[in-house]
């Protein structure tokens, strides 16, 4: 439990500094310790969105919504991921 909290806090600090790749690593480590904790998935989804990794963000949000079907952050971030995926499809179609 302590290691989980420490890693999550380190991940949060990385996000604040804009170090999204490092934050993803910290949150992924948290998931190995507790795969049912939704906040690390929504936090990691935020990092993926910042890095334009929309499919990965969507997958994390989908996972959260299977556990907690009313998680507002997961719904919101999944919507942002879908929006990013749609923009990418339009750009590819325009090439």
Protein backbone atom coordinates (compact mmCIF):
# COMPACT_ATOMS: atom_id res chain seq x y z
CA UNK A 1 0.00 0.00 0.00
CA UNK A 2 2.79 2.44 0.88
CA UNK A 3 4.69 1.69 -2.33
CA UNK A 4 1.49 2.22 -4.32
CA UNK A 5 0.88 5.63 -2.70
CA UNK A 6 4.50 6.68 -3.22
CA UNK A 7 4.44 5.71 -6.91
CA UNK A 8 1.09 7.42 -7.46
CA UNK A 9 2.36 10.63 -5.83
CA UNK A 10 5.54 10.48 -7.91
CA UNK A 11 3.38 10.06 -11.01
CA UNK A 12 1.27 13.05 -10.00
CA UNK A 13 4.44 15.12 -9.52
CA UNK A 14 5.64 14.10 -12.99
CA UNK A 15 2.34 15.25 -14.49
CA UNK A 16 2.68 18.64 -12.78
CA UNK A 17 6.14 19.00 -14.34
CA UNK A 18 4.92 17.91 -17.78
CA UNK A 19 6.93 14.65 -17.68
CA UNK A 20 4.11 12.53 -19.09
CA UNK A 21 6.19 9.53 -20.21
CA UNK A 22 7.69 9.20 -16.74
CA UNK A 23 4.24 9.61 -15.15
CA UNK A 24 2.91 6.80 -17.37
CA UNK A 25 5.69 4.56 -16.07
CA UNK A 26 4.82 5.38 -12.45
CA UNK A 27 1.09 4.78 -12.96
CA UNK A 28 1.81 1.52 -14.80
CA UNK A 29 3.85 0.35 -11.80
CA UNK A 30 0.90 1.25 -9.56
CA UNK A 31 -1.36 -0.94 -11.69
CA UNK A 32 0.89 -3.94 -11.08
CA UNK A 33 0.30 -3.43 -7.34
CA UNK A 34 -3.45 -2.70 -7.56
CA UNK A 35 -5.27 -3.17 -10.87
CA UNK A 36 -8.62 -2.12 -9.38
CA UNK A 37 -7.64 1.45 -8.42
CA UNK A 38 -9.41 3.62 -10.99
CA UNK A 39 -7.57 6.89 -10.36
CA UNK A 40 -4.27 5.61 -11.74
CA UNK A 41 -6.05 4.62 -14.96
CA UNK A 42 -7.71 8.01 -15.38
CA UNK A 43 -4.42 9.72 -14.52
CA UNK A 44 -2.56 7.61 -17.07
CA UNK A 45 -5.29 8.35 -19.62
CA UNK A 46 -4.63 12.06 -19.07
CA UNK A 47 -0.94 11.50 -19.83
CA UNK A 48 -1.78 9.57 -22.98
CA UNK A 49 -4.04 12.42 -24.11
CA UNK A 50 -1.23 14.92 -23.56
CA UNK A 51 1.01 12.72 -25.76
CA UNK A 52 -1.70 12.32 -28.45
CA UNK A 53 -1.94 8.58 -27.73
CA UNK A 54 -5.71 8.53 -28.05
CA UNK A 55 -6.22 4.78 -28.45
CA UNK A 56 -4.28 4.07 -25.24
CA UNK A 57 -6.25 6.76 -23.39
CA UNK A 58 -9.53 5.25 -24.60
CA UNK A 59 -8.48 1.79 -23.43
CA UNK A 60 -7.64 3.05 -19.93
CA UNK A 61 -11.00 4.84 -19.71
CA UNK A 62 -12.84 1.76 -20.99
CA UNK A 63 -11.17 -0.27 -18.24
CA UNK A 64 -12.26 2.21 -15.55
CA UNK A 65 -15.84 2.25 -16.83
CA UNK A 66 -15.99 -1.55 -16.57
CA UNK A 67 -15.17 -1.22 -12.86
CA UNK A 68 -16.97 2.07 -12.13
CA UNK A 69 -19.66 2.73 -14.72
CA UNK A 70 -20.32 6.28 -13.50
CA UNK A 71 -16.75 7.60 -13.33
CA UNK A 72 -17.01 11.15 -14.69
CA UNK A 73 -13.29 11.58 -15.38
CA UNK A 74 -13.24 8.36 -17.38
CA UNK A 75 -16.25 9.47 -19.45
CA UNK A 76 -14.73 12.90 -20.06
CA UNK A 77 -11.26 11.64 -20.97
CA UNK A 78 -12.69 8.91 -23.18
CA UNK A 79 -14.68 11.60 -25.02
CA UNK A 80 -11.45 13.56 -25.53
CA UNK A 81 -9.77 10.39 -26.81
CA UNK A 82 -12.62 9.76 -29.27
CA UNK A 83 -12.38 13.38 -30.42
CA UNK A 84 -8.62 12.99 -30.97
CA UNK A 85 -9.15 9.76 -32.90
CA UNK A 86 -11.76 11.45 -35.12
CA UNK A 87 -9.43 14.38 -35.89
CA UNK A 88 -6.64 11.93 -36.73
CA UNK A 89 -8.96 10.00 -39.12
CA UNK A 90 -9.93 13.24 -40.86
CA UNK A 91 -6.30 14.26 -41.23
CA UNK A 92 -5.35 10.88 -42.67
CA UNK A 93 -8.32 10.99 -45.05
CA UNK A 94 -7.22 14.44 -46.22
CA UNK A 95 -3.70 13.32 -47.11
